[in-house]
C-alpha atoms as a PDB file:
ATOM      1  CA  MET A   1     136.707 -62.742 -12.090  1.00  0.00           C
ATOM      2  CA  ALA A   2     134.458 -65.135 -10.227  1.00  0.00           C
ATOM      3  CA  LYS A   3     130.719 -64.871 -10.538  1.00  0.00           C
ATOM      4  CA  ARG A   4     128.654 -64.459  -7.408  1.00  0.00           C
ATOM      5  CA  LYS A   5     126.383 -67.293  -6.636  1.00  0.00           C
ATOM      6  CA  GLY A   6     122.837 -66.734  -5.425  1.00  0.00           C
ATOM      7  CA  LEU A   7     120.360 -63.959  -5.870  1.00  0.00           C
ATOM      8  CA  THR A   8     121.363 -60.404  -6.333  1.00  0.00           C
ATOM      9  CA  PHE A   9     119.115 -57.423  -6.040  1.00  0.00           C
ATOM     10  CA  TYR A  10     119.557 -54.123  -7.627  1.00  0.00           C
ATOM     11  CA  GLN A  11     118.085 -51.164  -5.900  1.00  0.00           C
ATOM     12  CA  LYS A  12     116.268 -48.992  -8.362  1.00  0.00           C
ATOM     13  CA  LYS A  13     116.627 -45.306  -7.700  1.00  0.00           C
ATOM     14  CA  LYS A  14     113.282 -43.707  -7.017  1.00  0.00           C
ATOM     15  CA  ARG A  15     112.511 -40.588  -8.916  1.00  0.00           C
ATOM     16  CA  LEU A  16     109.770 -38.098  -8.309  1.00  0.00           C
ATOM     17  CA  ASN A  17     107.755 -38.357 -11.475  1.00  0.00           C
ATOM     18  CA  PRO A  18     105.218 -35.675 -12.448  1.00  0.00           C
ATOM     19  CA  ARG A  19     102.228 -37.887 -11.578  1.00  0.00           C
ATOM     20  CA  MET A  20     103.485 -38.577  -8.058  1.00  0.00           C
ATOM     21  CA  PHE A  21     104.269 -34.873  -7.536  1.00  0.00           C
ATOM     22  CA  LYS A  22     100.760 -33.910  -8.702  1.00  0.00           C
ATOM     23  CA  ASP A  23      99.144 -36.418  -6.280  1.00  0.00           C
ATOM     24  CA  MET A  24     101.179 -35.092  -3.347  1.00  0.00           C
ATOM     25  CA  VAL A  25     100.226 -31.502  -4.147  1.00  0.00           C
ATOM     26  CA  GLU A  26      96.521 -32.456  -4.397  1.00  0.00           C
ATOM     27  CA  VAL A  27      96.608 -34.192  -1.006  1.00  0.00           C
ATOM     28  CA  LEU A  28      98.404 -31.260   0.601  1.00  0.00           C
ATOM     29  CA  VAL A  29      96.057 -28.637  -0.883  1.00  0.00           C
ATOM     30  CA  GLY A  30      92.945 -30.739  -0.135  1.00  0.00           C
ATOM     31  CA  GLY A  31      94.024 -31.275   3.479  1.00  0.00           C
ATOM     32  CA  THR A  32      94.759 -27.586   3.955  1.00  0.00           C
ATOM     33  CA  VAL A  33      91.367 -26.576   2.523  1.00  0.00           C
ATOM     34  CA  ALA A  34      89.571 -29.148   4.721  1.00  0.00           C
ATOM     35  CA  VAL A  35      91.308 -27.908   7.876  1.00  0.00           C
ATOM     36  CA  PHE A  36      90.560 -24.278   6.950  1.00  0.00           C
ATOM     37  CA  LEU A  37      86.867 -25.018   6.287  1.00  0.00           C
ATOM     38  CA  ALA A  38      86.547 -26.969   9.547  1.00  0.00           C
ATOM     39  CA  PHE A  39      88.153 -24.065  11.413  1.00  0.00           C
ATOM     40  CA  VAL A  40      85.801 -21.522   9.800  1.00  0.00           C
ATOM     41  CA  LEU A  41      82.693 -23.658  10.475  1.00  0.00           C
ATOM     42  CA  VAL A  42      83.559 -24.307  14.095  1.00  0.00           C
ATOM     43  CA  PHE A  43      84.296 -20.671  14.852  1.00  0.00           C
ATOM     44  CA  SER A  44      81.427 -19.160  12.857  1.00  0.00           C
ATOM     45  CA  ILE A  45      78.707 -21.605  13.914  1.00  0.00           C
ATOM     46  CA  GLY A  46      80.172 -22.992  17.097  1.00  0.00           C
ATOM     47  CA  MET A  47      81.332 -21.510  20.350  1.00  0.00           C
ATOM     48  CA  ARG A  48      83.208 -23.180  23.151  1.00  0.00           C
ATOM     49  CA  THR A  49      82.339 -22.874  26.835  1.00  0.00           C
ATOM     50  CA  SER A  50      82.810 -24.837  30.042  1.00  0.00           C
ATOM     51  CA  VAL A  51      80.255 -26.473  32.291  1.00  0.00           C
ATOM     52  CA  ILE A  52      80.230 -24.900  35.744  1.00  0.00           C
ATOM     53  CA  GLY A  53      79.091 -27.084  38.632  1.00  0.00           C
ATOM     54  CA  ASP A  54      77.685 -30.594  38.840  1.00  0.00           C
ATOM     55  CA  SER A  55      74.108 -29.791  37.782  1.00  0.00           C
ATOM     56  CA  MET A  56      74.351 -31.712  34.482  1.00  0.00           C
ATOM     57  CA  GLU A  57      75.976 -34.883  35.811  1.00  0.00           C
ATOM     58  CA  PRO A  58      76.271 -37.615  34.710  1.00  0.00           C
ATOM     59  CA  ALA A  59      75.998 -36.310  31.113  1.00  0.00           C
ATOM     60  CA  LEU A  60      78.351 -33.346  31.613  1.00  0.00           C
ATOM     61  CA  HIS A  61      80.849 -32.720  34.400  1.00  0.00           C
ATOM     62  CA  ASN A  62      82.174 -29.630  36.149  1.00  0.00           C
ATOM     63  CA  GLY A  63      84.899 -27.996  34.047  1.00  0.00           C
ATOM     64  CA  GLN A  64      84.113 -30.067  30.970  1.00  0.00           C
ATOM     65  CA  GLU A  65      84.313 -28.083  27.761  1.00  0.00           C
ATOM     66  CA  ILE A  66      81.445 -28.155  25.295  1.00  0.00           C
ATOM     67  CA  LEU A  67      80.982 -26.837  21.798  1.00  0.00           C
ATOM     68  CA  MET A  68      77.631 -25.205  21.110  1.00  0.00           C
ATOM     69  CA  ASN A  69      75.811 -24.486  17.868  1.00  0.00           C
ATOM     70  CA  ARG A  70      74.962 -20.770  17.856  1.00  0.00           C
ATOM     71  CA  ILE A  71      73.059 -20.796  14.534  1.00  0.00           C
ATOM     72  CA  LEU A  72      70.532 -23.630  15.050  1.00  0.00           C
ATOM     73  CA  TYR A  73      68.048 -21.691  17.199  1.00  0.00           C
ATOM     74  CA  ARG A  74      68.015 -18.767  14.805  1.00  0.00           C
ATOM     75  CA  ILE A  75      66.322 -21.026  12.234  1.00  0.00           C
ATOM     76  CA  SER A  76      64.506 -23.438  14.561  1.00  0.00           C
ATOM     77  CA  LYS A  77      63.244 -23.702  18.131  1.00  0.00           C
ATOM     78  CA  PRO A  78      64.582 -25.734  21.041  1.00  0.00           C
ATOM     79  CA  SER A  79      62.920 -29.110  21.526  1.00  0.00           C
ATOM     80  CA  ARG A  80      62.163 -31.006  24.702  1.00  0.00           C
ATOM     81  CA  GLY A  81      65.312 -32.828  25.752  1.00  0.00           C
ATOM     82  CA  ASP A  82      67.742 -30.399  24.072  1.00  0.00           C
ATOM     83  CA  VAL A  83      70.665 -29.277  26.203  1.00  0.00           C
ATOM     84  CA  ILE A  84      70.865 -25.503  25.838  1.00  0.00           C
ATOM     85  CA  VAL A  85      73.337 -22.810  26.833  1.00  0.00           C
ATOM     86  CA  PHE A  86      71.816 -19.538  28.045  1.00  0.00           C
ATOM     87  CA  LEU A  87      72.392 -16.383  30.056  1.00  0.00           C
ATOM     88  CA  PRO A  88      70.005 -16.389  33.040  1.00  0.00           C
ATOM     89  CA  ASN A  89      67.653 -13.424  32.677  1.00  0.00           C
ATOM     90  CA  GLY A  90      69.871 -12.210  29.838  1.00  0.00           C
ATOM     91  CA  SER A  91      72.466 -10.972  32.362  1.00  0.00           C
ATOM     92  CA  GLN A  92      75.752 -10.305  30.564  1.00  0.00           C
ATOM     93  CA  ASN A  93      77.504 -10.389  33.961  1.00  0.00           C
ATOM     94  CA  SER A  94      76.583 -14.021  34.628  1.00  0.00           C
ATOM     95  CA  HIS A  95      78.359 -17.170  33.519  1.00  0.00           C
ATOM     96  CA  LEU A  96      76.659 -19.293  30.861  1.00  0.00           C
ATOM     97  CA  TYR A  97      74.239 -21.913  32.185  1.00  0.00           C
ATOM     98  CA  VAL A  98      73.892 -25.369  30.626  1.00  0.00           C
ATOM     99  CA  LYS A  99      70.540 -27.102  31.222  1.00  0.00           C
ATOM    100  CA  ARG A 100      68.048 -29.492  29.585  1.00  0.00           C
ATOM    101  CA  VAL A 101      64.750 -28.226  28.095  1.00  0.00           C
ATOM    102  CA  VAL A 102      61.751 -29.810  29.830  1.00  0.00           C
ATOM    103  CA  GLY A 103      58.852 -27.424  29.147  1.00  0.00           C
ATOM    104  CA  LEU A 104      58.013 -25.724  25.847  1.00  0.00           C
ATOM    105  CA  PRO A 105      56.242 -22.422  25.078  1.00  0.00           C
ATOM    106  CA  GLY A 106      52.523 -22.448  25.891  1.00  0.00           C
ATOM    107  CA  GLU A 107      52.768 -25.474  28.208  1.00  0.00           C
ATOM    108  CA  LYS A 108      51.916 -25.617  31.887  1.00  0.00           C
ATOM    109  CA  VAL A 109      54.717 -27.093  34.011  1.00  0.00           C
ATOM    110  CA  GLN A 110      54.409 -28.316  37.579  1.00  0.00           C
ATOM    111  CA  ILE A 111      56.495 -30.513  39.859  1.00  0.00           C
ATOM    112  CA  ARG A 112      54.479 -32.802  42.135  1.00  0.00           C
ATOM    113  CA  GLU A 113      55.708 -35.672  44.289  1.00  0.00           C
ATOM    114  CA  GLY A 114      59.172 -35.376  42.765  1.00  0.00           C
ATOM    115  CA  ASN A 115      58.000 -35.668  39.157  1.00  0.00           C
ATOM    116  CA  VAL A 116      57.543 -33.211  36.304  1.00  0.00           C
ATOM    117  CA  TYR A 117      54.043 -32.745  34.891  1.00  0.00           C
ATOM    118  CA  ILE A 118      53.380 -31.039  31.558  1.00  0.00           C
ATOM    119  CA  ASP A 119      49.796 -29.845  31.070  1.00  0.00           C
ATOM    120  CA  GLY A 120      48.778 -32.101  33.966  1.00  0.00           C
ATOM    121  CA  VAL A 121      50.355 -35.238  32.425  1.00  0.00           C
ATOM    122  CA  LEU A 122      53.391 -36.969  33.945  1.00  0.00           C
ATOM    123  CA  LEU A 123      56.505 -36.406  31.815  1.00  0.00           C
ATOM    124  CA  GLU A 124      57.904 -39.863  31.074  1.00  0.00           C
ATOM    125  CA  GLU A 125      61.624 -39.676  31.741  1.00  0.00           C
ATOM    126  CA  GLY A 126      62.195 -43.265  32.808  1.00  0.00           C
ATOM    127  CA  GLU A 127      64.853 -43.887  35.431  1.00  0.00           C
ATOM    128  CA  LEU A 128      67.218 -41.273  33.999  1.00  0.00           C
ATOM    129  CA  PHE A 129      66.771 -38.649  36.714  1.00  0.00           C
ATOM    130  CA  ASP A 130      66.310 -38.662  40.481  1.00  0.00           C
ATOM    131  CA  LYS A 131      63.007 -37.640  42.029  1.00  0.00           C
ATOM    132  CA  ILE A 132      62.988 -33.912  42.686  1.00  0.00           C
ATOM    133  CA  ILE A 133      63.170 -33.072  46.388  1.00  0.00           C
ATOM    134  CA  ASP A 134      62.576 -29.308  46.112  1.00  0.00           C
ATOM    135  CA  PRO A 135      60.098 -28.241  43.421  1.00  0.00           C
ATOM    136  CA  GLY A 136      60.848 -24.554  44.084  1.00  0.00           C
ATOM    137  CA  ILE A 137      58.500 -22.157  42.276  1.00  0.00           C
ATOM    138  CA  ALA A 138      57.248 -25.082  40.168  1.00  0.00           C
ATOM    139  CA  GLN A 139      55.264 -26.504  43.091  1.00  0.00           C
ATOM    140  CA  ASN A 140      52.560 -24.267  41.628  1.00  0.00           C
ATOM    141  CA  GLU A 141      51.694 -24.622  37.961  1.00  0.00           C
ATOM    142  CA  ILE A 142      53.756 -22.329  35.708  1.00  0.00           C
ATOM    143  CA  LEU A 143      52.277 -21.254  32.371  1.00  0.00           C
ATOM    144  CA  LEU A 144      55.092 -20.654  29.881  1.00  0.00           C
ATOM    145  CA  GLU A 145      54.703 -17.699  27.528  1.00  0.00           C
ATOM    146  CA  SER A 146      55.154 -17.992  23.763  1.00  0.00           C
ATOM    147  CA  ASP A 147      58.923 -17.427  24.011  1.00  0.00           C
ATOM    148  CA  GLU A 148      59.693 -19.247  27.293  1.00  0.00           C
ATOM    149  CA  TYR A 149      61.241 -22.612  28.131  1.00  0.00           C
ATOM    150  CA  PHE A 150      61.373 -24.495  31.412  1.00  0.00           C
ATOM    151  CA  VAL A 151      64.817 -26.031  31.996  1.00  0.00           C
ATOM    152  CA  LEU A 152      66.231 -28.424  34.570  1.00  0.00           C
ATOM    153  CA  GLY A 153      69.680 -29.792  35.277  1.00  0.00           C
ATOM    154  CA  ASP A 154      70.134 -33.553  34.856  1.00  0.00           C
ATOM    155  CA  ASN A 155      71.357 -33.731  38.459  1.00  0.00           C
ATOM    156  CA  ARG A 156      67.922 -32.569  39.579  1.00  0.00           C
ATOM    157  CA  ASN A 157      68.708 -32.152  43.260  1.00  0.00           C
ATOM    158  CA  SER A 158      71.891 -30.167  42.724  1.00  0.00           C
ATOM    159  CA  SER A 159      70.857 -27.640  40.100  1.00  0.00           C
ATOM    160  CA  GLU A 160      69.909 -23.989  39.968  1.00  0.00           C
ATOM    161  CA  ASP A 161      67.402 -23.921  37.123  1.00  0.00           C
ATOM    162  CA  SER A 162      63.854 -22.817  36.212  1.00  0.00           C
ATOM    163  CA  ARG A 163      62.649 -23.889  39.678  1.00  0.00           C
ATOM    164  CA  SER A 164      64.708 -21.068  41.177  1.00  0.00           C
ATOM    165  CA  GLY A 165      63.020 -17.692  41.476  1.00  0.00           C
ATOM    166  CA  ASN A 166      66.163 -15.901  40.303  1.00  0.00           C
ATOM    167  CA  ILE A 167      66.332 -18.001  37.098  1.00  0.00           C
ATOM    168  CA  GLY A 168      62.718 -18.875  36.261  1.00  0.00           C
ATOM    169  CA  ALA A 169      61.568 -19.626  32.736  1.00  0.00           C
ATOM    170  CA  VAL A 170      64.232 -19.056  30.071  1.00  0.00           C
ATOM    171  CA  LYS A 171      63.316 -16.606  27.305  1.00  0.00           C
ATOM    172  CA  LYS A 172      64.328 -17.612  23.771  1.00  0.00           C
ATOM    173  CA  ASP A 173      66.348 -14.445  23.212  1.00  0.00           C
ATOM    174  CA  THR A 174      68.618 -15.337  26.176  1.00  0.00           C
ATOM    175  CA  ILE A 175      69.514 -18.729  24.659  1.00  0.00           C
ATOM    176  CA  ILE A 176      73.019 -18.640  23.184  1.00  0.00           C
ATOM    177  CA  GLY A 177      72.899 -22.046  21.488  1.00  0.00           C
ATOM    178  CA  LYS A 178      72.454 -25.778  21.645  1.00  0.00           C
ATOM    179  CA  ALA A 179      75.136 -27.833  23.373  1.00  0.00           C
ATOM    180  CA  TRP A 180      76.456 -29.901  20.506  1.00  0.00           C
ATOM    181  CA  PHE A 181      79.647 -31.784  21.382  1.00  0.00           C
ATOM    182  CA  HIS A 182      81.496 -32.304  24.610  1.00  0.00           C
ATOM    183  CA  MET A 183      85.228 -32.484  24.933  1.00  0.00           C
ATOM    184  CA  ALA A 184      85.408 -35.452  27.254  1.00  0.00           C
ATOM    185  CA  ALA A 185      87.963 -36.550  29.770  1.00  0.00           C
ATOM    186  CA  GLU A 186      91.313 -37.825  28.511  1.00  0.00           C
ATOM    187  CA  ASP A 187      90.094 -41.408  28.270  1.00  0.00           C
ATOM    188  CA  GLU A 188      86.850 -40.699  26.394  1.00  0.00           C
ATOM    189  CA  GLY A 189      87.496 -38.313  23.507  1.00  0.00           C
ATOM    190  CA  MET A 190      84.831 -36.088  21.950  1.00  0.00           C
ATOM    191  CA  GLY A 191      81.148 -36.964  21.703  1.00  0.00           C
ATOM    192  CA  LEU A 192      77.669 -35.761  20.860  1.00  0.00           C
ATOM    193  CA  ILE A 193      75.517 -34.477  23.683  1.00  0.00           C
ATOM    194  CA  GLU A 194      72.257 -36.344  24.085  1.00  0.00           C
END
């Protein structure tokens, strides 16, 4: 019988050894536990809702889904600049509103010449927002009570917010949570709300 010339390779049969089996089980169990914990956290702390209207553009768009943190404001208070989700006047029959906190409890808020003033001092917002055309009820100084917040939409001239007589200052007990993440358009993915 003639010998083959050149290299020959023998394929070694792979066996599932105990160590490899143990590693696979650990990865599978660890992944399952991680997914379960993420699911529990999101649904116990978080809540999903959709933005209605263009009042928060360009940060949030009509129909965009957001995830809110329902626990945060039970242990802390909203801060200026937070994007909150609330029921206007606590009405269970209304859709959830999404707006940005501008005025805090105990402050005096007024809109003059298209700008927001807090306790008589211009609120520095840079070039982020348009000048406000209609100050609504905030053309006169509004003193916020100890549990009230003054909110505005980012799209200042297309927003029903604390300037509107039917919304007014937002009471803390009507705040559902802080807008946390947004589920962005197909090309963007998910992101933090700032």
